[in-house]
Structures are given as C-alpha cells and as structure tokens.
Amino acid sequence: MTVPVVEVSSLGLVPYGDALSLQQQLVERRRRDEIPDQLLLLQHPPVITTGVRTADARAHIVAGEEELRRRGVEVHEAGRGGDVTFHGPGQLVGYPILALPPERRDLHRYVRDLEEALIRTLGHWGIAGARIAGLTGVWVGQEKVAAIGVLVSRWITSHGIALNVATDLSHFGLIVPCGITDKGVTSMQRLLGRPAAVPEVEPVFVAAFAGVLGLEPVPASTGLRGALR
C-alpha cells in the first residue's frame, strides 16, 4: 500500500496576513487536486489572532490599542476554531493543508492526532506533554505549551498548531489565552532550562506529525516564497 506524501515547506518568519492568504490559495489548489498534502512550518512576527467566536475572543484581549502598538503586536481575525492566542518569534507554527481521507473524516480525531504529534515531539526532549479533559492543546501540568486551532472545509484542513519553543511568554499577558483564566502558559525553553530554537524542533515535529497521520514527508517540490506577498 502506497503511503501518501505530505510536502513540507519551512518558510521562516512570515507575517500573519501573508500566511493566511497562502493557506487559502493552497486549500483551493488541494481541493482541485493540483498539489499533494502540504505542511507549512513557520514563525510569525508578534500577532494576536482571534477565532470564529470573534466577539468572545476580542473580549479576551486585555491590552489596549496603545499598548499593542507600543509592543508592535498586530491583531487578526483568523477564521479558525478556538478563541484568542498569541503568535511570535520563537514559536513553531504548523499549518497542515490536508485532504482528509474518508476513514479520517472526524474533526475530533484530527485534533487529537495533532495533540499526539505534539506530545511525541515534546517526548523527544523528555518533556511529558499531556491532554486535559475538555480542553484543546498540549499541557505540562497546568500550563499550556502548545495551542491548536483548526479549520476544516469540505474535509480540507488549514490553520493548525503553535508550539512555544522559545517564545517571549510575557506577550501572553496581553490576552486571556484561549479564554482560560485558571491556567498558565509555558515554553520548551523554560521547561528545559536551556536555550531552545525552532529549527531544531521542526524535523522532530515533522517526523511525529507524519507518523501519526500516516504520511511520508518530502521537501516541497516548488518553493512557496513566491506565493507570499
């Protein structure tokens, strides 16, 4: 049995709006079967993103516009599931553009699969990531180390995961992360007690993601930088 391919692109630092536009283009191309499954790996400049419950999510941005401007933090409506979160340098963001096969067309299963890939990634460094019942993402104790927010349209996925590798965690003080008031946020760097970097985490996540989803990762056949504004 042939293992489906997922093309992997490591894009570096990409403004959120550009990444959102790229995802939309790739979703349509995947829907037309012009490209195989894709996995975009990148980082964003500082940005707060809100999910489909926009009114609720915006209520969870506690910083005023002046403070956001002073700290150079943009705000974007993402159109994904979930509430409000922060993206910034030092955070590994992964956007899978997948055509889910019939046997995997279960949104809850897909989210659990992403959590499992993140748990395996953390395990590579001896970090015991776990789930908390009723909540999305991956946690170490009562602190979230990875957030998940996805969009599935006619069984084509977009948006995805954000793993705090060496993120400046002070930015999470600008929001109520994911609308959860009684839990904290952490990073791999804090948990390891030493410097950590996104490039060293990327290949470990790719292997874990491909293993969980039953895909064969290959470098993207064409560069996607040209599709970015």
C-alpha atoms as a PDB file:
ATOM      1  CA  MET A   1       0.000   0.000   0.000  1.00  0.00           C
ATOM      2  CA  THR A   2       1.413   3.382  -1.037  1.00  0.00           C
ATOM      3  CA  VAL A   3       1.876   5.902   1.759  1.00  0.00           C
ATOM      4  CA  PRO A   4       0.504   9.352   0.826  1.00  0.00           C
ATOM      5  CA  VAL A   5       3.043  12.150   0.575  1.00  0.00           C
ATOM      6  CA  VAL A   6       2.996  15.416   2.510  1.00  0.00           C
ATOM      7  CA  GLU A   7       5.195  18.174   1.114  1.00  0.00           C
ATOM      8  CA  VAL A   8       6.963  20.146   3.850  1.00  0.00           C
ATOM      9  CA  SER A   9       7.921  23.814   3.494  1.00  0.00           C
ATOM     10  CA  SER A  10       9.999  25.638   6.109  1.00  0.00           C
ATOM     11  CA  LEU A  11       9.238  29.322   5.498  1.00  0.00           C
ATOM     12  CA  GLY A  12      10.930  31.153   8.351  1.00  0.00           C
ATOM     13  CA  LEU A  13       9.360  34.390   9.625  1.00  0.00           C
ATOM     14  CA  VAL A  14       6.129  35.197   7.750  1.00  0.00           C
ATOM     15  CA  PRO A  15       3.615  37.992   8.509  1.00  0.00           C
ATOM     16  CA  TYR A  16       0.309  36.521   9.616  1.00  0.00           C
ATOM     17  CA  GLY A  17      -1.756  38.029   6.803  1.00  0.00           C
ATOM     18  CA  ASP A  18       0.599  36.608   4.182  1.00  0.00           C
ATOM     19  CA  ALA A  19       0.429  33.145   5.733  1.00  0.00           C
ATOM     20  CA  LEU A  20      -3.366  33.312   5.854  1.00  0.00           C
ATOM     21  CA  SER A  21      -3.532  34.207   2.156  1.00  0.00           C
ATOM     22  CA  LEU A  22      -1.102  31.411   1.283  1.00  0.00           C
ATOM     23  CA  GLN A  23      -3.188  28.879   3.175  1.00  0.00           C
ATOM     24  CA  GLN A  24      -6.313  29.936   1.313  1.00  0.00           C
ATOM     25  CA  GLN A  25      -4.542  29.521  -2.025  1.00  0.00           C
ATOM     26  CA  LEU A  26      -3.229  26.091  -1.102  1.00  0.00           C
ATOM     27  CA  VAL A  27      -6.611  24.898   0.190  1.00  0.00           C
ATOM     28  CA  GLU A  28      -8.174  25.660  -3.197  1.00  0.00           C
ATOM     29  CA  ARG A  29      -5.309  24.014  -5.070  1.00  0.00           C
ATOM     30  CA  ARG A  30      -5.561  20.941  -2.829  1.00  0.00           C
ATOM     31  CA  ARG A  31      -9.318  20.817  -3.380  1.00  0.00           C
ATOM     32  CA  ARG A  32      -8.698  20.744  -7.132  1.00  0.00           C
ATOM     33  CA  ASP A  33      -6.082  18.014  -6.570  1.00  0.00           C
ATOM     34  CA  GLU A  34      -3.377  20.152  -8.171  1.00  0.00           C
ATOM     35  CA  ILE A  35      -0.977  19.542  -5.268  1.00  0.00           C
ATOM     36  CA  PRO A  36      -0.439  16.828  -2.656  1.00  0.00           C
ATOM     37  CA  ASP A  37      -0.948  17.436   1.061  1.00  0.00           C
ATOM     38  CA  GLN A  38       1.151  20.280   2.454  1.00  0.00           C
ATOM     39  CA  LEU A  39       2.704  21.128   5.829  1.00  0.00           C
ATOM     40  CA  LEU A  40       3.828  24.721   6.288  1.00  0.00           C
ATOM     41  CA  LEU A  41       6.300  25.393   9.106  1.00  0.00           C
ATOM     42  CA  LEU A  42       6.959  28.997  10.057  1.00  0.00           C
ATOM     43  CA  GLN A  43       7.100  31.696  12.704  1.00  0.00           C
ATOM     44  CA  HIS A  44       5.105  34.908  12.873  1.00  0.00           C
ATOM     45  CA  PRO A  45       6.029  38.428  13.941  1.00  0.00           C
ATOM     46  CA  PRO A  46       4.102  39.315  17.131  1.00  0.00           C
ATOM     47  CA  VAL A  47       0.379  38.930  16.459  1.00  0.00           C
ATOM     48  CA  ILE A  48      -2.794  38.171  18.402  1.00  0.00           C
ATOM     49  CA  THR A  49      -5.300  36.066  16.472  1.00  0.00           C
ATOM     50  CA  THR A  50      -8.969  35.508  17.211  1.00  0.00           C
ATOM     51  CA  GLY A  51     -11.134  32.529  16.311  1.00  0.00           C
ATOM     52  CA  VAL A  52     -14.617  32.239  14.886  1.00  0.00           C
ATOM     53  CA  ARG A  53     -16.244  33.438  18.125  1.00  0.00           C
ATOM     54  CA  THR A  54     -14.843  36.877  17.395  1.00  0.00           C
ATOM     55  CA  ALA A  55     -16.852  38.843  19.989  1.00  0.00           C
ATOM     56  CA  ASP A  56     -15.873  36.462  22.797  1.00  0.00           C
ATOM     57  CA  ALA A  57     -12.268  36.329  21.620  1.00  0.00           C
ATOM     58  CA  ARG A  58     -11.863  40.117  21.432  1.00  0.00           C
ATOM     59  CA  ALA A  59     -13.149  40.375  25.000  1.00  0.00           C
ATOM     60  CA  HIS A  60     -10.139  38.238  25.957  1.00  0.00           C
ATOM     61  CA  ILE A  61      -7.640  40.815  24.623  1.00  0.00           C
ATOM     62  CA  VAL A  62      -6.881  42.680  27.840  1.00  0.00           C
ATOM     63  CA  ALA A  63      -4.258  45.090  26.452  1.00  0.00           C
ATOM     64  CA  GLY A  64      -5.398  48.401  24.998  1.00  0.00           C
ATOM     65  CA  GLU A  65      -4.659  49.529  21.448  1.00  0.00           C
ATOM     66  CA  GLU A  66      -1.914  51.887  22.613  1.00  0.00           C
ATOM     67  CA  GLU A  67      -0.033  49.130  24.426  1.00  0.00           C
ATOM     68  CA  LEU A  68      -0.396  46.789  21.446  1.00  0.00           C
ATOM     69  CA  ARG A  69       1.034  49.465  19.148  1.00  0.00           C
ATOM     70  CA  ARG A  70       3.877  50.169  21.561  1.00  0.00           C
ATOM     71  CA  ARG A  71       4.826  46.499  21.625  1.00  0.00           C
ATOM     72  CA  GLY A  72       4.385  46.065  17.872  1.00  0.00           C
ATOM     73  CA  VAL A  73       1.621  43.477  18.152  1.00  0.00           C
ATOM     74  CA  GLU A  74      -0.969  43.183  15.382  1.00  0.00           C
ATOM     75  CA  VAL A  75      -4.480  41.728  15.791  1.00  0.00           C
ATOM     76  CA  HIS A  76      -6.021  39.461  13.120  1.00  0.00           C
ATOM     77  CA  GLU A  77      -9.266  37.572  12.789  1.00  0.00           C
ATOM     78  CA  ALA A  78      -8.173  34.085  11.777  1.00  0.00           C
ATOM     79  CA  GLY A  79     -11.429  32.339  10.853  1.00  0.00           C
ATOM     80  CA  ARG A  80     -10.312  29.158  12.628  1.00  0.00           C
ATOM     81  CA  GLY A  81     -11.736  27.360  15.615  1.00  0.00           C
ATOM     82  CA  GLY A  82     -10.665  28.301  19.112  1.00  0.00           C
ATOM     83  CA  ASP A  83     -10.556  31.579  20.973  1.00  0.00           C
ATOM     84  CA  VAL A  84      -7.691  34.077  21.208  1.00  0.00           C
ATOM     85  CA  THR A  85      -3.988  33.277  21.120  1.00  0.00           C
ATOM     86  CA  PHE A  86      -0.603  34.880  20.566  1.00  0.00           C
ATOM     87  CA  HIS A  87       1.984  34.059  17.894  1.00  0.00           C
ATOM     88  CA  GLY A  88       5.504  35.389  17.843  1.00  0.00           C
ATOM     89  CA  PRO A  89       9.152  34.593  17.124  1.00  0.00           C
ATOM     90  CA  GLY A  90      10.407  31.514  18.914  1.00  0.00           C
ATOM     91  CA  GLN A  91       7.113  29.699  18.390  1.00  0.00           C
ATOM     92  CA  LEU A  92       6.838  26.838  15.902  1.00  0.00           C
ATOM     93  CA  VAL A  93       3.651  27.282  13.887  1.00  0.00           C
ATOM     94  CA  GLY A  94       2.481  24.400  11.705  1.00  0.00           C
ATOM     95  CA  TYR A  95      -0.274  24.706   9.108  1.00  0.00           C
ATOM     96  CA  PRO A  96      -1.261  21.355   7.563  1.00  0.00           C
ATOM     97  CA  ILE A  97      -3.236  21.590   4.304  1.00  0.00           C
ATOM     98  CA  LEU A  98      -4.579  18.048   4.121  1.00  0.00           C
ATOM     99  CA  ALA A  99      -7.338  16.347   2.174  1.00  0.00           C
ATOM    100  CA  LEU A 100      -8.558  14.031   4.915  1.00  0.00           C
ATOM    101  CA  PRO A 101      -9.382  10.576   3.529  1.00  0.00           C
ATOM    102  CA  PRO A 102     -12.825   9.097   4.289  1.00  0.00           C
ATOM    103  CA  GLU A 103     -11.550   6.981   7.184  1.00  0.00           C
ATOM    104  CA  ARG A 104     -10.113  10.065   8.950  1.00  0.00           C
ATOM    105  CA  ARG A 105     -13.041  12.455   8.450  1.00  0.00           C
ATOM    106  CA  ASP A 106     -13.623  13.122  12.111  1.00  0.00           C
ATOM    107  CA  LEU A 107     -12.772  16.604  13.377  1.00  0.00           C
ATOM    108  CA  HIS A 108     -12.224  15.456  16.968  1.00  0.00           C
ATOM    109  CA  ARG A 109      -9.908  12.686  15.811  1.00  0.00           C
ATOM    110  CA  TYR A 110      -7.922  15.152  13.709  1.00  0.00           C
ATOM    111  CA  VAL A 111      -7.416  17.476  16.691  1.00  0.00           C
ATOM    112  CA  ARG A 112      -6.391  14.514  18.863  1.00  0.00           C
ATOM    113  CA  ASP A 113      -3.917  13.480  16.142  1.00  0.00           C
ATOM    114  CA  LEU A 114      -2.326  16.941  16.218  1.00  0.00           C
ATOM    115  CA  GLU A 115      -2.117  16.741  20.006  1.00  0.00           C
ATOM    116  CA  GLU A 116      -0.461  13.324  19.725  1.00  0.00           C
ATOM    117  CA  ALA A 117       2.125  14.640  17.268  1.00  0.00           C
ATOM    118  CA  LEU A 118       2.961  17.457  19.686  1.00  0.00           C
ATOM    119  CA  ILE A 119       3.136  15.087  22.664  1.00  0.00           C
ATOM    120  CA  ARG A 120       5.590  12.874  20.748  1.00  0.00           C
ATOM    121  CA  THR A 121       7.638  15.920  19.765  1.00  0.00           C
ATOM    122  CA  LEU A 122       7.946  17.055  23.379  1.00  0.00           C
ATOM    123  CA  GLY A 123       8.764  13.498  24.431  1.00  0.00           C
ATOM    124  CA  HIS A 124      11.863  13.612  22.239  1.00  0.00           C
ATOM    125  CA  TRP A 125      13.282  16.066  24.806  1.00  0.00           C
ATOM    126  CA  GLY A 126      11.906  14.203  27.807  1.00  0.00           C
ATOM    127  CA  ILE A 127       9.045  16.671  28.321  1.00  0.00           C
ATOM    128  CA  ALA A 128       5.854  14.949  29.441  1.00  0.00           C
ATOM    129  CA  GLY A 129       3.165  16.751  27.445  1.00  0.00           C
ATOM    130  CA  ALA A 130      -0.410  15.710  28.150  1.00  0.00           C
ATOM    131  CA  ARG A 131      -4.048  16.466  27.420  1.00  0.00           C
ATOM    132  CA  ILE A 132      -6.511  17.986  29.864  1.00  0.00           C
ATOM    133  CA  ALA A 133     -10.052  16.681  29.565  1.00  0.00           C
ATOM    134  CA  GLY A 134     -12.401  19.187  27.978  1.00  0.00           C
ATOM    135  CA  LEU A 135      -9.585  21.447  26.730  1.00  0.00           C
ATOM    136  CA  THR A 136      -7.679  21.570  23.449  1.00  0.00           C
ATOM    137  CA  GLY A 137      -3.907  21.680  23.138  1.00  0.00           C
ATOM    138  CA  VAL A 138      -0.979  20.150  24.982  1.00  0.00           C
ATOM    139  CA  TRP A 139      -0.156  20.881  28.591  1.00  0.00           C
ATOM    140  CA  VAL A 140       2.626  20.328  31.087  1.00  0.00           C
ATOM    141  CA  GLY A 141       0.942  20.334  34.454  1.00  0.00           C
ATOM    142  CA  GLN A 142      -1.454  23.290  34.441  1.00  0.00           C
ATOM    143  CA  GLU A 143       0.478  25.246  31.796  1.00  0.00           C
ATOM    144  CA  LYS A 144      -0.183  25.143  28.056  1.00  0.00           C
ATOM    145  CA  VAL A 145       2.855  24.591  25.878  1.00  0.00           C
ATOM    146  CA  ALA A 146       1.053  24.144  22.549  1.00  0.00           C
ATOM    147  CA  ALA A 147      -2.189  25.549  21.186  1.00  0.00           C
ATOM    148  CA  ILE A 148      -4.373  24.128  18.422  1.00  0.00           C
ATOM    149  CA  GLY A 149      -6.939  25.922  16.269  1.00  0.00           C
ATOM    150  CA  VAL A 150      -8.105  24.372  13.016  1.00  0.00           C
ATOM    151  CA  LEU A 151     -10.449  24.966  10.127  1.00  0.00           C
ATOM    152  CA  VAL A 152     -11.806  22.040   8.112  1.00  0.00           C
ATOM    153  CA  SER A 153     -13.752  22.961   4.984  1.00  0.00           C
ATOM    154  CA  ARG A 154     -15.204  20.098   2.946  1.00  0.00           C
ATOM    155  CA  TRP A 155     -12.551  17.930   4.618  1.00  0.00           C
ATOM    156  CA  ILE A 156      -9.604  20.097   3.572  1.00  0.00           C
ATOM    157  CA  THR A 157      -7.714  21.297   6.654  1.00  0.00           C
ATOM    158  CA  SER A 158      -5.995  24.603   7.350  1.00  0.00           C
ATOM    159  CA  HIS A 159      -4.606  26.517  10.345  1.00  0.00           C
ATOM    160  CA  GLY A 160      -3.122  24.129  12.909  1.00  0.00           C
ATOM    161  CA  ILE A 161      -0.657  24.190  15.801  1.00  0.00           C
ATOM    162  CA  ALA A 162       1.548  26.622  17.711  1.00  0.00           C
ATOM    163  CA  LEU A 163       4.267  25.150  19.923  1.00  0.00           C
ATOM    164  CA  ASN A 164       6.045  27.509  22.312  1.00  0.00           C
ATOM    165  CA  VAL A 165       9.708  26.691  21.807  1.00  0.00           C
ATOM    166  CA  ALA A 166      11.440  29.874  22.960  1.00  0.00           C
ATOM    167  CA  THR A 167       8.531  32.315  22.796  1.00  0.00           C
ATOM    168  CA  ASP A 168       8.584  35.534  24.828  1.00  0.00           C
ATOM    169  CA  LEU A 169       5.872  34.445  27.248  1.00  0.00           C
ATOM    170  CA  SER A 170       5.294  37.983  28.525  1.00  0.00           C
ATOM    171  CA  HIS A 171       3.190  38.592  25.407  1.00  0.00           C
ATOM    172  CA  PHE A 172       0.568  36.178  26.710  1.00  0.00           C
ATOM    173  CA  GLY A 173      -0.114  38.760  29.422  1.00  0.00           C
ATOM    174  CA  LEU A 174      -1.781  40.847  26.701  1.00  0.00           C
ATOM    175  CA  ILE A 175      -4.607  38.303  26.434  1.00  0.00           C
ATOM    176  CA  VAL A 176      -6.530  35.649  28.319  1.00  0.00           C
ATOM    177  CA  PRO A 177      -5.017  32.752  26.359  1.00  0.00           C
ATOM    178  CA  CYS A 178      -7.776  30.700  24.736  1.00  0.00           C
ATOM    179  CA  GLY A 179     -10.192  32.372  27.167  1.00  0.00           C
ATOM    180  CA  ILE A 180      -8.934  30.184  30.040  1.00  0.00           C
ATOM    181  CA  THR A 181      -8.413  32.140  33.245  1.00  0.00           C
ATOM    182  CA  ASP A 182      -7.103  29.485  35.653  1.00  0.00           C
ATOM    183  CA  LYS A 183      -4.208  28.002  33.666  1.00  0.00           C
ATOM    184  CA  GLY A 184      -0.763  29.256  32.666  1.00  0.00           C
ATOM    185  CA  VAL A 185       1.465  29.196  29.601  1.00  0.00           C
ATOM    186  CA  THR A 186       4.968  27.777  29.276  1.00  0.00           C
ATOM    187  CA  SER A 187       7.624  27.011  26.665  1.00  0.00           C
ATOM    188  CA  MET A 188      10.097  24.270  25.870  1.00  0.00           C
ATOM    189  CA  GLN A 189      12.934  26.632  26.757  1.00  0.00           C
ATOM    190  CA  ARG A 190      11.517  27.275  30.208  1.00  0.00           C
ATOM    191  CA  LEU A 191      10.832  23.595  30.791  1.00  0.00           C
ATOM    192  CA  LEU A 192      14.283  22.518  29.633  1.00  0.00           C
ATOM    193  CA  GLY A 193      16.093  25.290  31.493  1.00  0.00           C
ATOM    194  CA  ARG A 194      18.305  25.965  28.489  1.00  0.00           C
ATOM    195  CA  PRO A 195      18.096  27.755  25.144  1.00  0.00           C
ATOM    196  CA  ALA A 196      15.900  26.109  22.528  1.00  0.00           C
ATOM    197  CA  ALA A 197      15.381  27.004  18.879  1.00  0.00           C
ATOM    198  CA  VAL A 198      12.629  26.401  16.348  1.00  0.00           C
ATOM    199  CA  PRO A 199      14.947  24.914  13.659  1.00  0.00           C
ATOM    200  CA  GLU A 200      15.965  22.058  15.961  1.00  0.00           C
ATOM    201  CA  VAL A 201      12.327  21.266  16.732  1.00  0.00           C
ATOM    202  CA  GLU A 202      10.990  21.361  13.165  1.00  0.00           C
ATOM    203  CA  PRO A 203      12.335  17.976  11.931  1.00  0.00           C
ATOM    204  CA  VAL A 204      11.230  16.221  15.123  1.00  0.00           C
ATOM    205  CA  PHE A 205       7.705  17.601  14.734  1.00  0.00           C
ATOM    206  CA  VAL A 206       7.624  16.645  11.041  1.00  0.00           C
ATOM    207  CA  ALA A 207       8.517  13.048  11.857  1.00  0.00           C
ATOM    208  CA  ALA A 208       5.939  12.861  14.652  1.00  0.00           C
ATOM    209  CA  PHE A 209       3.229  14.502  12.536  1.00  0.00           C
ATOM    210  CA  ALA A 210       3.859  12.198   9.578  1.00  0.00           C
ATOM    211  CA  GLY A 211       3.925   9.130  11.805  1.00  0.00           C
ATOM    212  CA  VAL A 212       0.605   9.952  13.467  1.00  0.00           C
ATOM    213  CA  LEU A 213      -1.172  10.925  10.228  1.00  0.00           C
ATOM    214  CA  GLY A 214       0.281   8.065   8.176  1.00  0.00           C
ATOM    215  CA  LEU A 215       2.082  10.311   5.694  1.00  0.00           C
ATOM    216  CA  GLU A 216       5.521  10.339   4.060  1.00  0.00           C
ATOM    217  CA  PRO A 217       7.194  13.749   4.469  1.00  0.00           C
ATOM    218  CA  VAL A 218       9.145  15.079   1.491  1.00  0.00           C
ATOM    219  CA  PRO A 219      10.565  18.536   0.739  1.00  0.00           C
ATOM    220  CA  ALA A 220       8.117  20.719  -1.167  1.00  0.00           C
ATOM    221  CA  SER A 221       8.608  20.331  -4.922  1.00  0.00           C
ATOM    222  CA  THR A 222       8.229  24.060  -5.555  1.00  0.00           C
ATOM    223  CA  GLY A 223       9.147  26.928  -3.274  1.00  0.00           C
ATOM    224  CA  LEU A 224       6.189  28.777  -1.774  1.00  0.00           C
ATOM    225  CA  ARG A 225       8.026  32.028  -1.070  1.00  0.00           C
ATOM    226  CA  GLY A 226       6.864  33.384  -4.419  1.00  0.00           C
ATOM    227  CA  ALA A 227       3.241  32.970  -3.329  1.00  0.00           C
ATOM    228  CA  LEU A 228       3.827  35.278  -0.358  1.00  0.00           C
ATOM    229  CA  ARG A 229       3.130  38.941  -0.939  1.00  0.00           C
END
